[in-house]
Amino acid sequence: MSLDELRAAGWRRLLAAARTRLELRPGALDGSVSVGAPSDEERRVIIGITGTHRSARAARLWVPLEEIDAYLRNAYGRDLVSVLSALDGVPLRDRPAERAREAEARQAATALANGCRHAGSEWYQRWLDQITADGTLTRVIRHSPRQMEHAVSILDALPAGEVPLAVLAERVTGDTKALTGTPLASLVLRALAIWHDLPGETAQEQRALWDSAGVIVDDLASQVLVLNLPAGGGLLGDWLTSAATQGIPLRVTLHQLRLSPVTPMVAEIFVCENPAVLRAAAGQLGSRCAPLVCTEGVASVACRRLIAAAAGHGVRIHWRNDFDWPGLRMTASAAAAFGTAPWRMSADDYRAAVTADSTLLRGAPAPSPWDPELAQAMAANGRTVMEERLLSPLLSDLSQPSR
């Protein structure tokens, strides 16, 4: 017999309640289900099932599952479970078993995450806490359990040494596109954003996050802005040297640096974060400006390759960032990686530049190991200082006699 009449409005809520009950207690017909504020059609269906009159004034009507099952067997020759599966086109779920499997998968994911080499790091724990609190981890466990395994393996491999994104993806997942616009990419980028205390919403910001981890998304997009940096090393070295004689800024790509490695031919290099500083230096000092490199935020792979080449040849590198928490992290990271010296990054420099209208500090605090008093002063004041506030002393430092 056709089940079509069971799709009518009088049956719909009753059978939905029966499915929910049976999924919570698979195979158990010893309970009852109810319909609140029943319509006349629903009341007539329930009267037909139970054979008992129900008042039109009743606020809620209850029906034992056994009676629904018996009615369906008698009228359609099918039990309640098979009717529900046929009507919805899917078998009933065993929710207790699902919860048990999910709990087991969560334990496995937690053990996996705790095995990462970053486990114990403050940023890593914050990432785990966030994806647990907002349900991301639960969704991953339910729908793509290997995604967490891949995310942990990728983070284990970071920071990398100039590895292309597609190579990293293939190495970990077997799929070169696994980190391009995928949920896995979002999961890893979220961790990188917390790690480096940086945004990761736009495509440019996401490239910067990969760059910060030593992963090359595009060796043409990975660039470094340079002013007055004469260098040896083929065609690119010739370009840099010629531009330095005229005080002309150049934007150098990682692609160029890989094809034509350069050797900076200077005794010292200054590094700033904001292009406005380099632009002012080019405009006011021109060829009299000391060699200046601009990171434009997070140092790109191209920037780090150029600085590494300079450090490897004994060049003294003076490095600075904005007075904010990411800036302190980036300055400390550069010192650890390249042996750079802080450039006007002291507590006194901060106090001299901070004003009451400076932007409020945001994000997780960071230490300033080269001058512990700096981080303390920033925390006490609660405000950032962008490099542009120090433009006059920075240009004074960069000014060289005419060449």
Protein backbone atom coordinates (compact mmCIF):
# COMPACT_ATOMS: atom_id res chain seq x y z
CA MET A 1 0.00 0.00 0.00
CA SER A 2 1.22 3.52 -0.81
CA LEU A 3 2.61 5.60 2.03
CA ASP A 4 1.57 8.89 0.41
CA GLU A 5 -1.16 9.67 2.93
CA LEU A 6 1.49 9.55 5.68
CA ARG A 7 3.08 12.62 4.08
CA ALA A 8 -0.01 14.71 4.87
CA ALA A 9 0.09 17.49 7.46
CA GLY A 10 -1.77 15.39 10.03
CA TRP A 11 1.11 12.89 10.19
CA ARG A 12 4.11 15.12 9.64
CA ARG A 13 4.93 16.35 13.16
CA LEU A 14 3.99 13.07 14.80
CA LEU A 15 6.32 11.02 12.61
CA ALA A 16 9.10 13.62 12.98
CA ALA A 17 8.83 13.31 16.76
CA ALA A 18 8.91 9.51 16.43
CA ARG A 19 12.10 9.68 14.34
CA THR A 20 13.80 11.93 16.88
CA ARG A 21 12.83 9.62 19.74
CA LEU A 22 13.96 6.44 17.95
CA GLU A 23 17.27 8.00 16.91
CA LEU A 24 17.97 8.88 20.54
CA ARG A 25 17.00 5.38 21.71
CA PRO A 26 17.47 3.10 18.70
CA GLY A 27 14.90 0.27 18.54
CA ALA A 28 13.13 1.30 21.76
CA LEU A 29 9.34 1.45 21.36
CA ASP A 30 8.62 1.79 25.08
CA GLY A 31 8.15 5.54 25.12
CA SER A 32 5.66 8.07 23.83
CA VAL A 33 5.79 11.09 21.55
CA SER A 34 3.60 14.17 21.55
CA VAL A 35 2.28 16.97 19.38
CA GLY A 36 1.76 20.38 20.96
CA ALA A 37 -1.13 22.67 20.00
CA PRO A 38 -2.46 19.97 17.64
CA SER A 39 -4.47 20.90 14.57
CA ASP A 40 -7.81 19.21 13.87
CA GLU A 41 -6.12 17.06 11.23
CA GLU A 42 -3.43 15.95 13.70
CA ARG A 43 -6.08 15.23 16.37
CA ARG A 44 -8.05 13.02 13.95
CA VAL A 45 -4.86 11.08 13.01
CA ILE A 46 -4.08 10.44 16.68
CA ILE A 47 -7.66 9.37 17.40
CA GLY A 48 -7.40 6.96 14.48
CA ILE A 49 -4.15 5.48 15.82
CA THR A 50 -5.26 5.09 19.44
CA GLY A 51 -8.98 4.53 19.00
CA THR A 52 -9.54 7.01 21.83
CA HIS A 53 -11.36 10.31 21.55
CA ARG A 54 -9.20 13.38 22.16
CA SER A 55 -10.67 16.74 23.09
CA ALA A 56 -10.29 19.62 20.64
CA ARG A 57 -9.28 21.73 23.65
CA ALA A 58 -6.24 19.58 24.50
CA ALA A 59 -2.95 21.56 24.45
CA ARG A 60 -0.81 18.48 23.82
CA LEU A 61 -1.60 14.97 22.66
CA TRP A 62 0.60 11.96 23.55
CA VAL A 63 0.83 8.69 21.62
CA PRO A 64 2.80 5.56 22.66
CA LEU A 65 5.31 4.50 20.01
CA GLU A 66 4.06 0.93 20.30
CA GLU A 67 0.59 2.05 19.21
CA ILE A 68 1.98 3.95 16.18
CA ASP A 69 4.02 0.87 15.24
CA ALA A 70 0.99 -1.43 15.63
CA TYR A 71 -1.21 0.88 13.57
CA LEU A 72 1.30 1.04 10.71
CA ARG A 73 1.81 -2.72 10.71
CA ASN A 74 -1.95 -3.26 10.53
CA ALA A 75 -2.67 -0.53 7.93
CA TYR A 76 0.45 -0.76 5.74
CA GLY A 77 2.13 -4.00 6.65
CA ARG A 78 5.30 -2.12 7.68
CA ASP A 79 6.81 -1.30 11.04
CA LEU A 80 7.48 2.25 12.26
CA VAL A 81 11.23 2.17 11.59
CA SER A 82 10.88 1.04 7.98
CA VAL A 83 8.08 3.57 7.36
CA LEU A 84 10.24 6.46 8.64
CA SER A 85 13.19 5.34 6.51
CA ALA A 86 10.99 5.06 3.41
CA LEU A 87 9.29 8.42 3.89
CA ASP A 88 12.51 10.38 4.48
CA GLY A 89 14.66 8.38 2.09
CA VAL A 90 17.34 7.86 4.74
CA PRO A 91 17.69 5.25 7.48
CA LEU A 92 17.34 6.23 11.11
CA ARG A 93 20.52 7.40 12.80
CA ASP A 94 21.98 5.78 15.86
CA ARG A 95 22.79 8.96 17.76
CA PRO A 96 24.31 7.33 20.87
CA ALA A 97 26.71 5.38 18.64
CA GLU A 98 27.49 8.57 16.71
CA ARG A 99 28.26 10.40 19.95
CA ALA A 100 30.52 7.58 21.05
CA ARG A 101 32.38 7.62 17.73
CA GLU A 102 32.62 11.43 17.87
CA ALA A 103 34.03 11.31 21.40
CA GLU A 104 36.59 8.75 20.27
CA ALA A 105 37.48 10.87 17.24
CA ARG A 106 37.80 13.95 19.45
CA GLN A 107 40.21 12.11 21.75
CA ALA A 108 42.24 11.03 18.73
CA ALA A 109 42.27 14.62 17.37
CA THR A 110 43.36 15.97 20.76
CA ALA A 111 46.16 13.42 20.99
CA LEU A 112 47.22 14.31 17.45
CA ALA A 113 47.21 18.03 18.21
CA ASN A 114 49.21 17.49 21.40
CA GLY A 115 51.85 15.68 19.36
CA CYS A 116 52.58 18.74 17.23
CA ARG A 117 55.97 20.32 17.84
CA HIS A 118 54.22 23.62 18.56
CA ALA A 119 52.13 22.07 21.35
CA GLY A 120 52.67 24.10 24.50
CA SER A 121 53.07 27.36 22.60
CA GLU A 122 50.64 30.03 23.71
CA TRP A 123 49.46 30.79 20.17
CA TYR A 124 48.94 27.11 19.37
CA GLN A 125 46.80 26.58 22.45
CA ARG A 126 44.73 29.65 21.57
CA TRP A 127 44.14 28.22 18.11
CA LEU A 128 42.98 24.91 19.58
CA ASP A 129 40.77 26.68 22.11
CA GLN A 130 39.16 28.83 19.41
CA ILE A 131 38.40 26.03 16.94
CA THR A 132 37.01 23.97 19.82
CA ALA A 133 34.82 26.77 21.20
CA ASP A 134 33.24 27.80 17.89
CA GLY A 135 32.48 24.26 16.71
CA THR A 136 35.10 24.12 13.95
CA LEU A 137 36.80 21.08 15.49
CA THR A 138 33.46 19.27 15.80
CA ARG A 139 32.64 19.93 12.14
CA VAL A 140 36.06 18.70 11.08
CA ILE A 141 35.71 15.53 13.15
CA ARG A 142 32.24 14.83 11.75
CA HIS A 143 32.81 15.58 8.10
CA SER A 144 36.54 15.43 7.35
CA PRO A 145 38.56 13.83 10.17
CA ARG A 146 41.78 13.72 8.15
CA GLN A 147 41.67 17.50 7.82
CA MET A 148 42.88 17.91 11.40
CA GLU A 149 45.68 15.43 10.80
CA HIS A 150 46.76 17.37 7.71
CA ALA A 151 46.53 20.74 9.50
CA VAL A 152 48.75 19.54 12.35
CA SER A 153 51.25 18.04 9.88
CA ILE A 154 51.43 21.30 7.94
CA LEU A 155 51.97 23.36 11.09
CA ASP A 156 54.61 20.84 12.12
CA ALA A 157 56.50 21.71 8.92
CA LEU A 158 56.38 25.47 9.56
CA PRO A 159 58.21 27.74 9.42
CA ALA A 160 59.55 26.38 6.16
CA GLY A 161 62.53 27.34 4.07
CA GLU A 162 61.03 28.86 0.94
CA VAL A 163 58.83 25.91 0.05
CA PRO A 164 56.19 26.52 -2.66
CA LEU A 165 52.61 26.24 -1.41
CA ALA A 166 51.75 23.52 -3.93
CA VAL A 167 54.79 21.49 -2.90
CA LEU A 168 53.87 21.72 0.79
CA ALA A 169 50.29 20.71 0.00
CA GLU A 170 51.35 17.71 -2.09
CA ARG A 171 53.95 16.65 0.46
CA VAL A 172 51.39 16.48 3.27
CA THR A 173 48.12 15.61 1.53
CA GLY A 174 49.05 14.21 -1.87
CA ASP A 175 47.07 17.02 -3.54
CA THR A 176 48.85 20.11 -4.91
CA LYS A 177 45.68 22.20 -4.58
CA ALA A 178 44.80 21.18 -1.03
CA LEU A 179 45.93 24.56 0.38
CA THR A 180 44.34 26.77 -2.25
CA GLY A 181 40.96 28.15 -1.17
CA THR A 182 40.02 25.03 0.81
CA PRO A 183 38.70 24.45 4.36
CA LEU A 184 42.14 22.99 5.19
CA ALA A 185 43.81 26.21 4.01
CA SER A 186 41.42 28.26 6.17
CA LEU A 187 42.19 26.10 9.20
CA VAL A 188 45.97 26.53 8.78
CA LEU A 189 45.73 30.24 7.96
CA ARG A 190 43.69 30.75 11.09
CA ALA A 191 46.54 29.24 13.10
CA LEU A 192 49.11 31.41 11.30
CA ALA A 193 47.06 34.55 11.98
CA ILE A 194 47.09 33.77 15.71
CA TRP A 195 50.75 32.77 15.61
CA HIS A 196 51.85 36.07 14.07
CA ASP A 197 49.02 38.22 15.47
CA LEU A 198 48.09 39.39 11.98
CA PRO A 199 44.88 39.58 9.95
CA GLY A 200 44.16 36.99 7.28
CA GLU A 201 40.91 38.04 5.61
CA THR A 202 42.00 39.28 2.17
CA ALA A 203 44.04 37.42 -0.43
CA GLN A 204 46.94 39.83 0.16
CA GLU A 205 46.82 39.26 3.93
CA GLN A 206 46.74 35.50 3.40
CA ARG A 207 49.78 35.68 1.13
CA ALA A 208 51.53 37.63 3.88
CA LEU A 209 50.67 34.89 6.38
CA TRP A 210 52.09 32.19 4.13
CA ASP A 211 55.14 34.41 3.57
CA SER A 212 55.58 34.77 7.32
CA ALA A 213 55.80 30.97 7.51
CA GLY A 214 58.34 30.69 4.68
CA VAL A 215 55.79 29.36 2.18
CA ILE A 216 55.84 30.75 -1.37
CA VAL A 217 52.40 31.33 -2.84
CA ASP A 218 53.75 33.18 -5.89
CA ASP A 219 57.41 34.10 -6.40
CA LEU A 220 56.35 37.12 -8.44
CA ALA A 221 53.95 38.34 -5.74
CA SER A 222 56.63 37.94 -3.05
CA GLN A 223 58.47 41.26 -3.25
CA VAL A 224 60.74 43.59 -1.33
CA LEU A 225 61.03 47.37 -1.66
CA VAL A 226 64.62 48.60 -1.82
CA LEU A 227 66.35 51.99 -1.90
CA ASN A 228 70.06 52.58 -2.53
CA LEU A 229 71.37 49.03 -2.26
CA PRO A 230 74.25 48.52 -4.70
CA ALA A 231 74.95 44.85 -5.22
CA GLY A 232 76.91 42.35 -7.23
CA GLY A 233 75.30 39.38 -8.85
CA GLY A 234 74.48 39.69 -12.53
CA LEU A 235 71.61 41.61 -14.06
CA LEU A 236 69.65 42.22 -10.85
CA GLY A 237 72.79 43.45 -9.10
CA ASP A 238 73.41 45.86 -12.00
CA TRP A 239 69.84 47.19 -11.71
CA LEU A 240 70.17 47.74 -7.96
CA THR A 241 73.52 49.46 -8.36
CA SER A 242 72.31 51.76 -11.14
CA ALA A 243 69.16 52.68 -9.19
CA ALA A 244 71.27 53.51 -6.12
CA THR A 245 73.29 56.10 -8.03
CA GLN A 246 70.05 57.96 -8.74
CA GLY A 247 68.26 57.32 -5.44
CA ILE A 248 65.47 55.44 -7.20
CA PRO A 249 63.47 52.83 -5.24
CA LEU A 250 63.15 49.37 -6.79
CA ARG A 251 60.66 46.61 -6.09
CA VAL A 252 62.52 43.28 -6.29
CA THR A 253 60.69 39.97 -6.65
CA LEU A 254 61.60 36.60 -5.22
CA HIS A 255 61.59 35.31 -8.79
CA GLN A 256 64.39 37.75 -9.65
CA LEU A 257 66.35 36.92 -6.50
CA ARG A 258 66.16 33.21 -7.27
CA LEU A 259 67.27 33.64 -10.89
CA SER A 260 69.95 36.21 -10.10
CA PRO A 261 71.17 35.98 -6.47
CA VAL A 262 72.75 39.22 -5.31
CA THR A 263 75.51 40.19 -2.90
CA PRO A 264 74.87 43.58 -1.23
CA MET A 265 78.02 45.71 -1.49
CA VAL A 266 77.46 47.91 1.58
CA ALA A 267 78.59 47.93 5.20
CA GLU A 268 75.14 48.41 6.69
CA ILE A 269 71.45 48.26 5.80
CA PHE A 270 68.49 49.87 7.53
CA VAL A 271 65.14 48.09 7.53
CA CYS A 272 61.78 49.80 8.10
CA GLU A 273 58.21 48.49 8.07
CA ASN A 274 56.17 51.18 6.34
CA PRO A 275 56.64 52.27 2.71
CA ALA A 276 55.83 55.86 3.71
CA VAL A 277 59.24 55.99 5.42
CA LEU A 278 61.06 54.77 2.31
CA ARG A 279 59.05 57.14 0.12
CA ALA A 280 60.00 60.10 2.32
CA ALA A 281 63.64 59.00 2.34
CA ALA A 282 63.70 58.76 -1.45
CA GLY A 283 62.02 62.16 -1.81
CA GLN A 284 64.08 64.08 0.75
CA LEU A 285 67.44 62.31 0.64
CA GLY A 286 67.57 60.62 -2.75
CA SER A 287 70.98 59.06 -3.39
CA ARG A 288 72.23 60.42 -0.03
CA CYS A 289 69.98 57.96 1.83
CA ALA A 290 71.66 54.99 3.50
CA PRO A 291 70.73 51.58 2.05
CA LEU A 292 67.10 51.05 3.07
CA VAL A 293 64.84 48.02 2.80
CA CYS A 294 61.10 48.12 3.53
CA THR A 295 59.27 45.02 4.72
CA GLU A 296 55.81 46.51 4.11
CA GLY A 297 54.47 44.70 7.16
CA VAL A 298 55.42 41.06 7.53
CA ALA A 299 58.75 40.43 5.85
CA SER A 300 58.12 38.49 2.65
CA VAL A 301 60.17 35.49 1.57
CA ALA A 302 61.84 37.84 -0.94
CA CYS A 303 62.73 40.27 1.86
CA ARG A 304 64.11 37.55 4.08
CA ARG A 305 66.19 36.11 1.25
CA LEU A 306 67.73 39.52 0.56
CA ILE A 307 68.42 40.19 4.24
CA ALA A 308 69.87 36.69 4.68
CA ALA A 309 72.24 37.32 1.77
CA ALA A 310 73.37 40.58 3.38
CA ALA A 311 73.79 39.04 6.84
CA GLY A 312 75.74 36.16 5.32
CA HIS A 313 78.28 38.66 3.96
CA GLY A 314 78.77 40.46 7.26
CA VAL A 315 76.53 43.45 6.57
CA ARG A 316 75.28 45.21 9.72
CA ILE A 317 71.50 45.31 9.67
CA HIS A 318 69.49 47.85 11.67
CA TRP A 319 65.86 46.74 11.94
CA ARG A 320 62.71 48.39 13.17
CA ASN A 321 58.93 47.96 13.12
CA ASP A 322 55.93 49.85 14.41
CA PHE A 323 55.55 50.07 18.17
CA ASP A 324 52.74 47.51 18.41
CA TRP A 325 52.73 43.89 19.56
CA PRO A 326 53.23 42.40 16.08
CA GLY A 327 56.06 44.89 15.60
CA LEU A 328 57.85 43.62 18.70
CA ARG A 329 57.44 40.05 17.53
CA MET A 330 58.79 40.83 14.07
CA THR A 331 61.78 42.74 15.46
CA ALA A 332 62.63 39.88 17.83
CA SER A 333 62.18 37.33 15.03
CA ALA A 334 64.55 39.25 12.74
CA ALA A 335 67.16 39.45 15.49
CA ALA A 336 66.96 35.70 16.05
CA ALA A 337 67.04 34.85 12.34
CA PHE A 338 69.59 37.34 11.00
CA GLY A 339 71.38 38.85 13.99
CA THR A 340 69.84 42.26 13.33
CA ALA A 341 70.15 45.19 15.74
CA PRO A 342 67.05 47.17 16.79
CA TRP A 343 66.86 50.59 15.17
CA ARG A 344 65.18 53.24 17.33
CA MET A 345 63.17 50.52 19.07
CA SER A 346 63.87 51.51 22.68
CA ALA A 347 61.55 52.48 25.51
CA ASP A 348 62.87 56.05 25.27
CA ASP A 349 62.07 56.18 21.53
CA TYR A 350 58.55 54.97 22.29
CA ARG A 351 57.94 57.45 25.10
CA ALA A 352 59.19 60.34 22.97
CA ALA A 353 56.75 59.52 20.16
CA VAL A 354 53.57 58.27 21.85
CA THR A 355 50.66 60.68 22.16
CA ALA A 356 47.22 60.60 23.74
CA ASP A 357 45.56 60.21 20.33
CA SER A 358 47.68 57.23 19.26
CA THR A 359 45.78 54.09 18.29
CA LEU A 360 45.01 51.69 21.13
CA LEU A 361 47.18 48.58 21.39
CA ARG A 362 45.37 45.39 20.40
CA GLY A 363 46.18 41.69 20.43
CA ALA A 364 48.34 39.53 22.65
CA PRO A 365 51.28 41.33 24.32
CA ALA A 366 54.82 40.48 23.21
CA PRO A 367 58.19 40.84 24.92
CA SER A 368 61.02 43.12 23.80
CA PRO A 369 64.15 41.14 24.79
CA TRP A 370 66.54 43.81 23.47
CA ASP A 371 64.95 46.34 25.86
CA PRO A 372 62.48 44.77 28.35
CA GLU A 373 61.43 48.23 29.50
CA LEU A 374 59.92 48.89 26.04
CA ALA A 375 57.21 46.21 26.33
CA GLN A 376 56.48 47.39 29.88
CA ALA A 377 56.09 50.99 28.72
CA MET A 378 53.80 49.97 25.87
CA ALA A 379 51.63 47.85 28.16
CA ALA A 380 51.39 50.68 30.69
CA ASN A 381 50.53 53.28 28.04
CA GLY A 382 48.25 51.01 25.97
CA ARG A 383 48.91 52.81 22.69
CA THR A 384 50.75 52.11 19.45
CA VAL A 385 53.23 54.33 17.66
CA MET A 386 53.52 54.01 13.90
CA GLU A 387 56.87 54.61 12.22
CA GLU A 388 55.69 57.82 10.59
CA ARG A 389 55.71 59.46 14.04
CA LEU A 390 59.49 58.98 14.11
CA LEU A 391 60.08 60.17 10.56
CA SER A 392 62.37 63.08 11.46
CA PRO A 393 64.87 61.06 13.56
CA LEU A 394 64.71 58.16 11.11
CA LEU A 395 65.61 60.41 8.18
CA SER A 396 68.40 61.91 10.25
CA ASP A 397 69.81 58.42 10.82
CA LEU A 398 69.55 57.65 7.10
CA SER A 399 71.16 60.86 5.88
CA GLN A 400 74.62 60.37 4.39
CA PRO A 401 77.11 62.86 2.93
CA SER A 402 76.78 63.47 -0.80
CA ARG A 403 78.40 60.71 -2.84
